[in-house]
Amino acid sequence: MRSPALLTAASCAVLLLACQRHDHPHGAEPAGHESEEAHGHGHGDSSESITHWTDKTELFVEFRALVVGQDSAFAAHLTRLSDFKAVVAGRVTVVLSGGEAPEERFDIAGPTVPGIFRPVARPKHAGVRGLSLLLQSDTLSDAHVLGEVTVFPDADAAAHAAAPAEAESGAGISFLKEQQWPIDFATVEVTERSLRPSLAASGTVRARADGEVHVTAPVSGRLVTAGEAFPRIGMHVERDQVLVTMAPRLGGEVDLASLELAAAKARLDVEHARRERERLEGLLAAGAVPERRVIAARRDEAQASAELTAAQRRLEQHGRVQRAGATGSAGAITVRAPIAGTLVAVDVAPGMFIEEGREMFHVVDLDRLWLEVRVPEANIGRVEHPAGAWFEVDGIDTSFEVAGDQLVTTGGVVDVRTRTVALIFAIDNPGRRLRVGMFARVHVLTGIPVTAVAVPPSAVLEDAGQEVVYVQTEGETFERRAVRLGVRDGAHVEVTQGVRPGEHVVVRGAFMVKLASSATEAPAHGHAH
């Protein structure tokens, strides 16, 4: 059940649309509009209307039957197709040509109101003639070739020809150009397209196995900055770039005095071993001791020398640690980035003391990611050799394409909880629009493309449990059509019933057309601009 607030909003919108229809009686022209006598007609008394599209503009033009020697005012509504807004400047020329008569031109230097140009034609030659409307401005030039029209020799001939046409009154939803231009509105032409059958599945954007690393502390110690700034989230790092340096903690209860004592003892041991080796070498020369005694003495001297070297290095290491702690200069151990990427997490701060193995940084290559698709096990046979995939994520309007050769692997294990198999694609991420962890609505391409009538999904509305589109039958007239949908492929969905190629459907602003259709008062369509 709809809430009162929603009903009130919808009712207000309908009233607003009804009020904008400008059903002005004769003699009650709105401010800023010229009289019907000046223009030749309001919308209500026109006997001809044409809607025509080029690749630049849409033209909806209304005009009286063309009669030799009589004025016929054209109400030419021009819309830019780049943004579906009114054309606000330019010269519009009505051209009559052919019919074995000289070309006739009738123009106006600018719009009467934004988007509406009113050139007045007074033909001199009767017969079947070609009708064109030309637009020329500093920023936009276009030509609408509208086909053939009849220029009647007198008013009686025009009235006689118009009688049957007036008997045919087409029903439709009136939604005027003045209502279309201010809102977010657009239409597209229904076309036939090549659509690719697909299997719907869910997926997740994740980092590549070789494009993500958690950097941990190699030893216990205190962090020291590696440069002018400490690493921060979002910073790009290169492979082997120094992130931080560490002043490591020395093992046990070792202090400076203990290290100095150990070094002094090692020097004494080296001196004692040298003298013992020299004494035994003298005795060996006199034949007083066996040679093995000398060999053992030499070994003892070498071992003592090695212990002295180690003690001296420990003492030097302690000095470097002390200097690093006091000045922040380079310490004994540097921590580098294992891969090039972006820092997505920094869990430490300068000066922190951390234990060995603690995570410090999380680096991810965001330029190339993986799309992990979870395919139900019942459908895995359909996607063993996929032709590719396309997917959508929340927050981004466009869909993303994945080629078949970007398939990394098809999982060989069924997840016991979800009864799905992983399908992994490598995907490029230009502009880094995709974020790791995003949920994706994936369509895995499974079959041979088919040619079908298609519209953008934004053209389809759900109305009372039925899928419908709004077809533009004329510039300001629309028709509600129930449709039956088929294959969806990216930015288009197949329509198996309801529309034909060449028709135009509303893709933005369809809900406002729907509101206009529910107005209680039928439009008179007599707005004299």
Protein backbone atom coordinates (compact mmCIF):
# COMPACT_ATOMS: atom_id res chain seq x y z
CA MET A 1 0.00 0.00 0.00
CA ARG A 2 1.37 3.37 -0.98
CA SER A 3 2.00 5.87 1.77
CA PRO A 4 0.01 9.19 1.83
CA ALA A 5 3.27 11.06 1.17
CA LEU A 6 3.88 9.16 -2.05
CA LEU A 7 0.30 9.63 -3.20
CA THR A 8 0.53 13.35 -2.51
CA ALA A 9 3.81 13.67 -4.46
CA ALA A 10 2.38 11.79 -7.43
CA SER A 11 -0.84 13.84 -7.38
CA CYS A 12 1.12 17.10 -7.31
CA ALA A 13 3.22 15.99 -10.25
CA VAL A 14 0.10 15.12 -12.25
CA LEU A 15 -1.47 18.50 -11.44
CA LEU A 16 1.73 20.25 -12.47
CA LEU A 17 1.75 18.43 -15.80
CA ALA A 18 -1.91 19.28 -16.39
CA CYS A 19 -1.29 22.95 -15.59
CA GLN A 20 1.59 23.13 -18.07
CA ARG A 21 -0.56 22.12 -21.02
CA HIS A 22 -1.37 25.77 -21.82
CA ASP A 23 -4.98 25.19 -22.93
CA HIS A 24 -5.49 28.89 -23.57
CA PRO A 25 -8.74 30.11 -25.20
CA HIS A 26 -8.62 32.66 -27.95
CA GLY A 27 -7.93 36.13 -26.65
CA ALA A 28 -6.28 34.78 -23.47
CA GLU A 29 -2.69 34.49 -24.62
CA PRO A 30 -0.07 33.96 -21.90
CA ALA A 31 2.38 36.75 -21.18
CA GLY A 32 5.24 36.86 -23.63
CA HIS A 33 3.32 34.95 -26.35
CA GLU A 34 2.09 36.53 -29.53
CA SER A 35 -1.53 36.24 -30.64
CA GLU A 36 -2.87 33.58 -32.98
CA GLU A 37 -3.51 36.25 -35.58
CA ALA A 38 0.21 37.03 -35.58
CA HIS A 39 1.18 33.38 -35.85
CA GLY A 40 -1.60 32.06 -38.02
CA HIS A 41 -2.66 29.30 -35.57
CA GLY A 42 -2.45 27.70 -32.18
CA HIS A 43 -1.84 24.02 -31.88
CA GLY A 44 -5.53 23.35 -31.85
CA ASP A 45 -6.25 24.55 -35.40
CA SER A 46 -3.28 23.04 -37.27
CA SER A 47 -4.14 20.52 -39.94
CA GLU A 48 -0.67 19.09 -40.54
CA SER A 49 1.95 17.79 -38.11
CA ILE A 50 5.25 16.05 -38.81
CA THR A 51 7.87 14.58 -36.47
CA HIS A 52 11.31 14.04 -37.97
CA TRP A 53 14.74 13.14 -36.60
CA THR A 54 18.25 13.69 -37.85
CA ASP A 55 21.43 12.76 -35.99
CA LYS A 56 21.51 16.29 -34.48
CA THR A 57 17.96 17.46 -33.80
CA GLU A 58 14.37 16.37 -33.48
CA LEU A 59 11.75 18.45 -35.31
CA PHE A 60 8.07 18.50 -34.41
CA VAL A 61 6.30 20.93 -36.72
CA GLU A 62 2.64 21.88 -37.03
CA PHE A 63 1.19 24.03 -39.79
CA ARG A 64 -2.02 24.82 -41.62
CA ALA A 65 -2.68 23.45 -45.04
CA LEU A 66 -0.62 25.36 -47.58
CA VAL A 67 -2.78 27.54 -49.84
CA VAL A 68 -1.62 29.82 -52.64
CA GLY A 69 -1.63 33.44 -51.52
CA GLN A 70 -2.48 32.68 -47.89
CA ASP A 71 -0.26 32.78 -44.81
CA SER A 72 0.47 29.47 -43.11
CA ALA A 73 2.35 29.82 -39.83
CA PHE A 74 4.65 26.93 -38.95
CA ALA A 75 5.12 26.00 -35.28
CA ALA A 76 8.53 24.29 -35.50
CA HIS A 77 9.67 22.74 -32.21
CA LEU A 78 13.40 21.98 -32.39
CA THR A 79 15.17 19.81 -29.82
CA ARG A 80 18.91 19.14 -29.58
CA LEU A 81 19.48 15.40 -29.44
CA SER A 82 22.77 15.86 -27.57
CA ASP A 83 20.85 16.76 -24.38
CA PHE A 84 17.16 16.88 -25.47
CA LYS A 85 16.93 20.58 -24.63
CA ALA A 86 15.33 23.33 -26.69
CA VAL A 87 17.22 24.99 -29.52
CA VAL A 88 17.35 28.59 -28.30
CA ALA A 89 18.92 30.45 -31.23
CA GLY A 90 19.30 30.31 -34.99
CA ARG A 91 17.58 31.02 -38.28
CA VAL A 92 14.91 28.59 -39.45
CA THR A 93 13.95 28.45 -43.12
CA VAL A 94 10.98 26.63 -44.67
CA VAL A 95 11.80 25.54 -48.23
CA LEU A 96 9.26 24.50 -50.89
CA SER A 97 10.85 22.98 -53.97
CA GLY A 98 10.11 20.78 -56.97
CA GLY A 99 6.74 20.40 -58.66
CA GLU A 100 8.05 22.17 -61.77
CA ALA A 101 7.93 25.50 -59.92
CA PRO A 102 10.61 27.84 -58.59
CA GLU A 103 11.99 27.22 -55.11
CA GLU A 104 10.33 29.28 -52.39
CA ARG A 105 11.92 30.13 -49.02
CA PHE A 106 10.34 31.55 -45.88
CA ASP A 107 12.47 32.16 -42.82
CA ILE A 108 12.56 33.63 -39.34
CA ALA A 109 15.63 34.95 -37.55
CA GLY A 110 15.01 33.36 -34.14
CA PRO A 111 12.57 31.51 -31.88
CA THR A 112 9.41 33.09 -30.56
CA VAL A 113 10.06 31.30 -27.29
CA PRO A 114 13.01 28.97 -26.61
CA GLY A 115 12.71 25.97 -28.90
CA ILE A 116 9.73 27.16 -30.97
CA PHE A 117 10.27 28.89 -34.32
CA ARG A 118 7.35 30.36 -36.28
CA PRO A 119 8.21 31.12 -39.91
CA VAL A 120 5.19 32.07 -42.03
CA ALA A 121 4.86 30.65 -45.54
CA ARG A 122 2.79 32.35 -48.31
CA PRO A 123 3.15 30.03 -51.34
CA LYS A 124 2.85 31.33 -54.88
CA HIS A 125 2.68 28.03 -56.75
CA ALA A 126 0.16 25.20 -56.34
CA GLY A 127 0.96 21.50 -56.70
CA VAL A 128 2.86 18.72 -54.97
CA ARG A 129 6.08 20.17 -53.60
CA GLY A 130 9.00 19.01 -51.52
CA LEU A 131 9.07 20.43 -47.99
CA SER A 132 12.29 21.00 -46.05
CA LEU A 133 13.14 22.89 -42.88
CA LEU A 134 16.66 24.24 -42.38
CA LEU A 135 18.31 25.35 -39.14
CA GLN A 136 21.39 27.56 -39.13
CA SER A 137 23.10 28.98 -36.05
CA ASP A 138 26.61 29.72 -34.83
CA THR A 139 26.81 26.35 -33.07
CA LEU A 140 24.35 24.10 -34.91
CA SER A 141 23.37 23.51 -38.52
CA ASP A 142 20.83 20.91 -39.62
CA ALA A 143 18.40 20.07 -42.40
CA HIS A 144 15.10 18.19 -42.12
CA VAL A 145 13.83 16.84 -45.43
CA LEU A 146 10.15 16.21 -44.72
CA GLY A 147 8.91 14.74 -47.97
CA GLU A 148 6.12 15.98 -50.22
CA VAL A 149 3.21 18.26 -49.33
CA THR A 150 0.36 19.66 -51.39
CA VAL A 151 0.01 23.39 -51.96
CA PHE A 152 -3.70 23.94 -52.70
CA PRO A 153 -4.89 26.53 -55.24
CA ASP A 154 -7.60 27.88 -52.87
CA ALA A 155 -9.09 27.44 -49.40
CA ASP A 156 -12.06 25.34 -50.63
CA ALA A 157 -9.70 22.72 -52.08
CA ALA A 158 -7.74 22.66 -48.84
CA ALA A 159 -10.90 22.26 -46.72
CA HIS A 160 -12.21 19.46 -48.94
CA ALA A 161 -8.90 17.56 -48.69
CA ALA A 162 -8.62 18.05 -44.93
CA ALA A 163 -12.12 16.77 -44.00
CA PRO A 164 -11.32 13.01 -43.97
CA ALA A 165 -8.11 13.60 -42.02
CA GLU A 166 -9.94 15.56 -39.32
CA ALA A 167 -12.29 12.62 -38.82
CA GLU A 168 -9.34 10.49 -37.83
CA SER A 169 -8.46 11.49 -34.28
CA GLY A 170 -5.65 9.43 -32.79
CA ALA A 171 -5.74 8.81 -29.05
CA GLY A 172 -2.51 9.19 -27.12
CA ILE A 173 -0.77 10.66 -24.10
CA SER A 174 -0.06 14.37 -24.49
CA PHE A 175 3.31 15.45 -23.11
CA LEU A 176 4.29 18.80 -24.52
CA LYS A 177 7.73 20.00 -25.50
CA GLU A 178 7.51 22.64 -22.77
CA GLN A 179 7.21 19.72 -20.34
CA GLN A 180 9.98 17.66 -21.96
CA TRP A 181 12.64 20.34 -22.23
CA PRO A 182 12.99 21.33 -18.52
CA ILE A 183 13.33 17.75 -17.20
CA ASP A 184 15.81 14.92 -17.65
CA PHE A 185 14.22 13.51 -20.79
CA ALA A 186 15.41 11.47 -23.78
CA THR A 187 14.22 9.03 -26.41
CA VAL A 188 16.05 6.52 -28.60
CA GLU A 189 15.19 4.77 -31.80
CA VAL A 190 14.24 1.10 -31.58
CA THR A 191 16.74 -0.92 -33.63
CA GLU A 192 17.72 -4.48 -34.35
CA ARG A 193 20.95 -5.50 -32.63
CA SER A 194 23.15 -8.50 -32.17
CA LEU A 195 22.50 -9.79 -28.64
CA ARG A 196 24.49 -12.45 -26.81
CA PRO A 197 22.70 -15.05 -24.68
CA SER A 198 24.08 -15.24 -21.16
CA LEU A 199 23.79 -16.92 -17.78
CA ALA A 200 23.15 -14.65 -14.80
CA ALA A 201 25.40 -15.12 -11.78
CA SER A 202 26.80 -13.15 -8.86
CA GLY A 203 30.42 -12.12 -8.52
CA THR A 204 32.95 -10.16 -6.51
CA VAL A 205 35.72 -7.82 -7.61
CA ARG A 206 38.90 -8.91 -5.83
CA ALA A 207 42.65 -8.43 -6.02
CA ARG A 208 44.74 -10.80 -8.12
CA ALA A 209 46.61 -13.53 -6.28
CA ASP A 210 49.90 -11.95 -7.43
CA GLY A 211 48.58 -8.39 -7.10
CA GLU A 212 48.05 -8.22 -3.36
CA VAL A 213 50.43 -8.50 -0.40
CA HIS A 214 50.26 -7.93 3.36
CA VAL A 215 53.59 -6.51 4.56
CA THR A 216 54.52 -7.76 8.04
CA ALA A 217 57.30 -6.82 10.45
CA PRO A 218 60.41 -8.95 9.83
CA VAL A 219 61.66 -8.41 13.41
CA SER A 220 60.48 -6.86 16.63
CA GLY A 221 61.49 -3.24 16.92
CA ARG A 222 60.59 0.41 16.58
CA LEU A 223 59.49 2.06 13.30
CA VAL A 224 61.47 4.95 11.85
CA THR A 225 60.35 6.99 8.83
CA ALA A 226 62.08 6.19 5.56
CA GLY A 227 61.85 9.67 4.11
CA GLU A 228 60.05 12.98 4.45
CA ALA A 229 56.58 11.45 4.89
CA PHE A 230 55.34 8.28 6.51
CA PRO A 231 53.38 5.97 4.13
CA ARG A 232 49.66 6.80 3.93
CA ILE A 233 46.55 5.14 2.57
CA GLY A 234 46.07 5.76 -1.17
CA MET A 235 49.77 6.33 -1.84
CA HIS A 236 51.19 4.56 -4.89
CA VAL A 237 54.39 2.61 -4.30
CA GLU A 238 56.81 0.97 -6.68
CA ARG A 239 58.27 -2.48 -6.34
CA ASP A 240 61.18 -2.50 -3.82
CA GLN A 241 60.38 1.04 -2.66
CA VAL A 242 61.41 1.56 0.98
CA LEU A 243 58.33 1.94 3.16
CA VAL A 244 59.93 2.24 6.62
CA THR A 245 63.10 1.41 8.47
CA MET A 246 63.19 -0.43 11.78
CA ALA A 247 65.43 -0.16 14.80
CA PRO A 248 65.31 -3.82 15.89
CA ARG A 249 65.22 -4.94 19.50
CA LEU A 250 68.29 -6.89 20.62
CA GLY A 251 67.70 -10.36 22.04
CA GLY A 252 67.74 -11.22 25.78
CA GLU A 253 68.74 -8.71 28.45
CA VAL A 254 71.76 -7.47 26.53
CA ASP A 255 72.92 -3.93 27.28
CA LEU A 256 75.92 -1.85 26.25
CA ALA A 257 78.12 -2.93 29.20
CA SER A 258 77.52 -6.61 28.49
CA LEU A 259 78.43 -6.16 24.84
CA GLU A 260 81.62 -4.27 25.72
CA LEU A 261 82.58 -7.00 28.24
CA ALA A 262 81.98 -9.71 25.66
CA ALA A 263 84.14 -7.86 23.13
CA ALA A 264 86.97 -7.40 25.67
CA LYS A 265 86.84 -11.09 26.66
CA ALA A 266 86.96 -12.08 23.02
CA ARG A 267 90.08 -9.95 22.48
CA LEU A 268 91.81 -11.61 25.47
CA ASP A 269 90.87 -15.05 24.14
CA VAL A 270 92.36 -14.19 20.75
CA GLU A 271 95.59 -13.00 22.37
CA HIS A 272 95.84 -16.14 24.53
CA ALA A 273 95.19 -18.41 21.56
CA ARG A 274 97.84 -16.62 19.48
CA ARG A 275 100.51 -17.03 22.15
CA GLU A 276 99.65 -20.72 22.71
CA ARG A 277 99.83 -21.35 18.98
CA GLU A 278 103.26 -19.63 18.75
CA ARG A 279 104.60 -21.63 21.76
CA LEU A 280 103.53 -24.96 20.30
CA GLU A 281 104.96 -24.11 16.88
CA GLY A 282 108.39 -23.57 18.59
CA LEU A 283 108.16 -26.90 20.38
CA LEU A 284 107.15 -28.62 17.13
CA ALA A 285 110.28 -27.23 15.45
CA ALA A 286 112.37 -28.79 18.28
CA GLY A 287 110.51 -32.08 17.95
CA ALA A 288 109.13 -31.81 21.47
CA VAL A 289 105.36 -32.02 20.63
CA PRO A 290 103.36 -33.80 17.97
CA GLU A 291 101.99 -31.82 15.02
CA ARG A 292 98.37 -32.43 16.03
CA ARG A 293 98.89 -30.16 19.06
CA VAL A 294 99.83 -27.27 16.74
CA ILE A 295 96.84 -27.90 14.46
CA ALA A 296 94.49 -27.76 17.46
CA ALA A 297 96.07 -24.49 18.64
CA ARG A 298 95.60 -22.89 15.24
CA ARG A 299 91.92 -23.94 15.28
CA ASP A 300 91.43 -22.43 18.74
CA GLU A 301 92.98 -19.14 17.55
CA ALA A 302 90.69 -18.99 14.51
CA GLN A 303 87.62 -19.67 16.65
CA ALA A 304 88.59 -16.95 19.10
CA SER A 305 89.07 -14.50 16.22
CA ALA A 306 85.58 -15.32 14.92
CA GLU A 307 84.03 -14.77 18.33
CA LEU A 308 85.80 -11.41 18.58
CA THR A 309 84.45 -10.34 15.20
CA ALA A 310 80.90 -11.30 16.24
CA ALA A 311 81.18 -9.42 19.52
CA GLN A 312 82.43 -6.31 17.75
CA ARG A 313 79.53 -6.45 15.25
CA ARG A 314 76.98 -6.75 18.05
CA LEU A 315 78.52 -3.73 19.68
CA GLU A 316 78.40 -1.75 16.39
CA GLN A 317 74.78 -2.83 15.82
CA HIS A 318 73.84 -1.48 19.25
CA GLY A 319 75.43 1.83 18.32
CA ARG A 320 73.42 2.07 15.07
CA VAL A 321 70.20 1.28 16.90
CA GLN A 322 70.93 4.02 19.42
CA ARG A 323 71.65 6.53 16.67
CA ALA A 324 68.48 5.58 14.75
CA GLY A 325 66.37 6.05 17.86
CA ALA A 326 67.92 9.43 18.60
CA THR A 327 67.98 10.99 15.13
CA GLY A 328 65.48 9.10 12.94
CA SER A 329 68.16 8.33 10.39
CA ALA A 330 68.39 5.08 8.47
CA GLY A 331 68.27 2.09 10.80
CA ALA A 332 69.54 -1.40 10.52
CA ILE A 333 66.56 -2.99 8.72
CA THR A 334 64.55 -1.57 5.80
CA VAL A 335 61.04 -2.74 4.90
CA ARG A 336 60.30 -2.58 1.17
CA ALA A 337 57.18 -2.95 -0.98
CA PRO A 338 57.18 -6.46 -2.52
CA ILE A 339 54.99 -5.31 -5.47
CA ALA A 340 53.99 -2.09 -7.20
CA GLY A 341 50.54 -0.94 -6.17
CA THR A 342 48.47 1.24 -3.89
CA LEU A 343 48.55 1.27 -0.11
CA VAL A 344 44.98 0.38 0.87
CA ALA A 345 45.73 -0.08 4.58
CA VAL A 346 48.37 1.33 6.95
CA ASP A 347 48.17 -0.21 10.42
CA VAL A 348 51.24 1.40 12.03
CA ALA A 349 52.51 4.86 12.90
CA PRO A 350 55.96 6.44 13.24
CA GLY A 351 57.74 5.54 16.45
CA MET A 352 55.54 2.52 17.19
CA PHE A 353 57.14 -0.54 18.70
CA ILE A 354 55.77 -3.66 17.00
CA GLU A 355 56.30 -7.36 17.38
CA GLU A 356 57.73 -9.59 14.69
CA GLY A 357 55.05 -10.85 12.27
CA ARG A 358 52.55 -8.05 12.85
CA GLU A 359 50.87 -6.68 9.69
CA MET A 360 51.99 -3.16 8.84
CA PHE A 361 50.85 -2.42 5.27
CA HIS A 362 48.39 -3.81 2.71
CA VAL A 363 49.44 -3.21 -0.91
CA VAL A 364 47.10 -3.94 -3.86
CA ASP A 365 47.63 -3.50 -7.61
CA LEU A 366 44.36 -1.71 -8.49
CA ASP A 367 45.09 -1.40 -12.21
CA ARG A 368 44.35 -5.05 -12.96
CA LEU A 369 41.94 -7.07 -10.81
CA TRP A 370 40.07 -10.36 -10.77
CA LEU A 371 36.34 -10.90 -11.16
CA GLU A 372 35.37 -14.01 -9.22
CA VAL A 373 32.03 -15.33 -10.47
CA ARG A 374 30.05 -17.91 -8.48
CA VAL A 375 28.24 -20.21 -10.92
CA PRO A 376 25.62 -22.68 -9.58
CA GLU A 377 26.87 -26.24 -9.99
CA ALA A 378 23.80 -27.10 -12.09
CA ASN A 379 24.95 -24.61 -14.75
CA ILE A 380 28.68 -25.25 -14.72
CA GLY A 381 28.45 -27.28 -17.94
CA ARG A 382 27.22 -24.18 -19.78
CA VAL A 383 30.22 -22.04 -18.83
CA GLU A 384 33.21 -24.36 -19.19
CA HIS A 385 34.29 -22.39 -22.28
CA PRO A 386 32.58 -18.99 -21.95
CA ALA A 387 32.76 -16.45 -24.76
CA GLY A 388 33.22 -13.73 -22.16
CA ALA A 389 31.04 -11.87 -19.70
CA TRP A 390 29.62 -8.48 -18.85
CA PHE A 391 28.79 -7.18 -15.41
CA GLU A 392 27.35 -4.27 -13.47
CA VAL A 393 28.13 -2.86 -10.03
CA ASP A 394 26.21 -0.48 -7.80
CA GLY A 395 27.24 3.16 -8.07
CA ILE A 396 28.39 2.99 -11.71
CA ASP A 397 25.80 3.40 -14.48
CA THR A 398 27.75 1.71 -17.27
CA SER A 399 28.37 -2.02 -17.63
CA PHE A 400 31.82 -3.61 -18.01
CA GLU A 401 32.86 -6.05 -20.74
CA VAL A 402 35.13 -9.07 -20.24
CA ALA A 403 36.58 -11.01 -23.20
CA GLY A 404 36.73 -14.78 -23.27
CA ASP A 405 40.54 -14.81 -23.36
CA GLN A 406 40.55 -13.03 -19.97
CA LEU A 407 39.40 -16.22 -18.25
CA VAL A 408 42.02 -17.18 -15.66
CA THR A 409 40.58 -20.43 -14.39
CA THR A 410 37.45 -22.45 -13.77
CA GLY A 411 37.40 -23.79 -10.23
CA GLY A 412 37.62 -27.52 -9.73
CA VAL A 413 35.87 -27.61 -6.36
CA VAL A 414 32.21 -27.02 -5.49
CA ASP A 415 31.70 -24.83 -2.43
CA VAL A 416 29.79 -27.04 0.01
CA ARG A 417 27.89 -24.09 1.50
CA THR A 418 26.75 -22.27 -1.65
CA ARG A 419 26.91 -25.19 -4.14
CA THR A 420 28.71 -22.93 -6.59
CA VAL A 421 31.92 -23.11 -8.60
CA ALA A 422 34.31 -20.18 -9.00
CA LEU A 423 34.94 -18.72 -12.44
CA ILE A 424 37.76 -16.15 -12.42
CA PHE A 425 38.37 -13.47 -15.06
CA ALA A 426 41.25 -10.97 -15.15
CA ILE A 427 39.87 -7.47 -15.70
CA ASP A 428 41.49 -4.14 -16.46
CA ASN A 429 40.53 -1.23 -14.23
CA PRO A 430 41.17 2.02 -16.14
CA GLY A 431 40.66 5.03 -13.94
CA ARG A 432 40.43 2.65 -10.97
CA ARG A 433 36.65 2.94 -10.99
CA LEU A 434 36.23 -0.58 -9.64
CA ARG A 435 36.98 -1.18 -5.97
CA VAL A 436 38.17 -4.40 -4.41
CA GLY A 437 35.26 -6.11 -2.67
CA MET A 438 32.51 -4.72 -4.93
CA PHE A 439 29.53 -7.01 -5.56
CA ALA A 440 28.89 -7.59 -9.26
CA ARG A 441 25.83 -8.73 -11.19
CA VAL A 442 27.47 -10.88 -13.84
CA HIS A 443 26.19 -12.31 -17.12
CA VAL A 444 28.45 -15.06 -18.46
CA LEU A 445 28.14 -15.31 -22.26
CA THR A 446 27.07 -18.82 -23.18
CA GLY A 447 25.66 -18.95 -26.71
CA ILE A 448 25.69 -17.76 -30.30
CA PRO A 449 24.60 -14.11 -30.77
CA VAL A 450 21.11 -13.51 -32.14
CA THR A 451 19.75 -10.51 -34.04
CA ALA A 452 16.68 -9.06 -32.34
CA VAL A 453 14.70 -5.88 -31.73
CA ALA A 454 16.21 -4.20 -28.67
CA VAL A 455 15.84 -1.16 -26.40
CA PRO A 456 17.87 0.14 -23.46
CA PRO A 457 16.72 -1.35 -20.13
CA SER A 458 15.97 2.17 -18.88
CA ALA A 459 13.08 2.33 -21.36
CA VAL A 460 11.21 -0.44 -19.54
CA LEU A 461 8.97 0.37 -16.56
CA GLU A 462 7.01 -2.01 -14.38
CA ASP A 463 3.39 -0.94 -14.24
CA ALA A 464 0.89 -3.00 -12.24
CA GLY A 465 3.03 -6.12 -12.62
CA GLN A 466 3.45 -5.59 -16.36
CA GLU A 467 6.53 -4.43 -18.24
CA VAL A 468 5.75 -1.42 -20.44
CA VAL A 469 7.47 1.20 -22.58
CA TYR A 470 6.28 4.60 -23.76
CA VAL A 471 6.50 5.09 -27.53
CA GLN A 472 6.72 8.57 -29.02
CA THR A 473 4.17 8.50 -31.83
CA GLU A 474 4.55 12.24 -32.50
CA GLY A 475 6.64 15.00 -31.05
CA GLU A 476 4.19 15.63 -28.19
CA THR A 477 2.14 12.42 -28.23
CA PHE A 478 3.05 9.12 -26.60
CA GLU A 479 1.58 5.65 -26.35
CA ARG A 480 1.85 3.10 -23.55
CA ARG A 481 2.87 -0.33 -24.84
CA ALA A 482 3.04 -3.60 -22.94
CA VAL A 483 6.19 -5.48 -23.98
CA ARG A 484 7.63 -8.94 -23.65
CA LEU A 485 11.38 -9.09 -22.99
CA GLY A 486 14.00 -11.65 -23.94
CA VAL A 487 17.79 -11.71 -23.93
CA ARG A 488 19.56 -8.91 -22.09
CA ASP A 489 23.05 -7.98 -23.28
CA GLY A 490 24.73 -5.04 -21.55
CA ALA A 491 23.06 -1.78 -22.49
CA HIS A 492 20.21 -3.40 -24.47
CA VAL A 493 17.43 -5.89 -23.87
CA GLU A 494 15.49 -7.85 -26.47
CA VAL A 495 11.83 -6.95 -27.01
CA THR A 496 9.98 -9.90 -28.56
CA GLN A 497 6.62 -8.13 -28.60
CA GLY A 498 5.36 -4.56 -28.32
CA VAL A 499 7.60 -2.31 -30.43
CA ARG A 500 8.96 -2.19 -33.97
CA PRO A 501 12.27 -0.99 -35.42
CA GLY A 502 12.20 2.71 -36.27
CA GLU A 503 9.91 3.70 -33.44
CA HIS A 504 11.19 5.92 -30.66
CA VAL A 505 10.88 4.98 -26.98
CA VAL A 506 11.40 7.13 -23.89
CA VAL A 507 14.56 6.16 -22.00
CA ARG A 508 14.70 9.10 -19.56
CA GLY A 509 11.60 10.73 -18.12
CA ALA A 510 9.26 7.78 -18.80
CA PHE A 511 7.77 8.04 -15.32
CA MET A 512 6.72 11.64 -16.00
CA VAL A 513 4.99 10.50 -19.20
CA LYS A 514 3.24 7.86 -17.11
CA LEU A 515 2.05 10.57 -14.70
CA ALA A 516 0.78 12.62 -17.64
CA SER A 517 -1.25 9.63 -18.82
CA SER A 518 -3.01 9.43 -15.45
CA ALA A 519 -4.22 13.06 -15.45
CA THR A 520 -7.98 13.11 -14.94
CA GLU A 521 -8.60 15.85 -17.52
CA ALA A 522 -7.95 14.94 -21.12
CA PRO A 523 -5.63 17.48 -22.79
CA ALA A 524 -7.17 19.81 -25.35
CA HIS A 525 -3.74 20.09 -27.03
CA GLY A 526 -4.55 23.71 -27.77
CA HIS A 527 -1.54 25.45 -26.27
CA ALA A 528 -0.91 28.61 -28.25
CA HIS A 529 2.75 29.18 -27.43
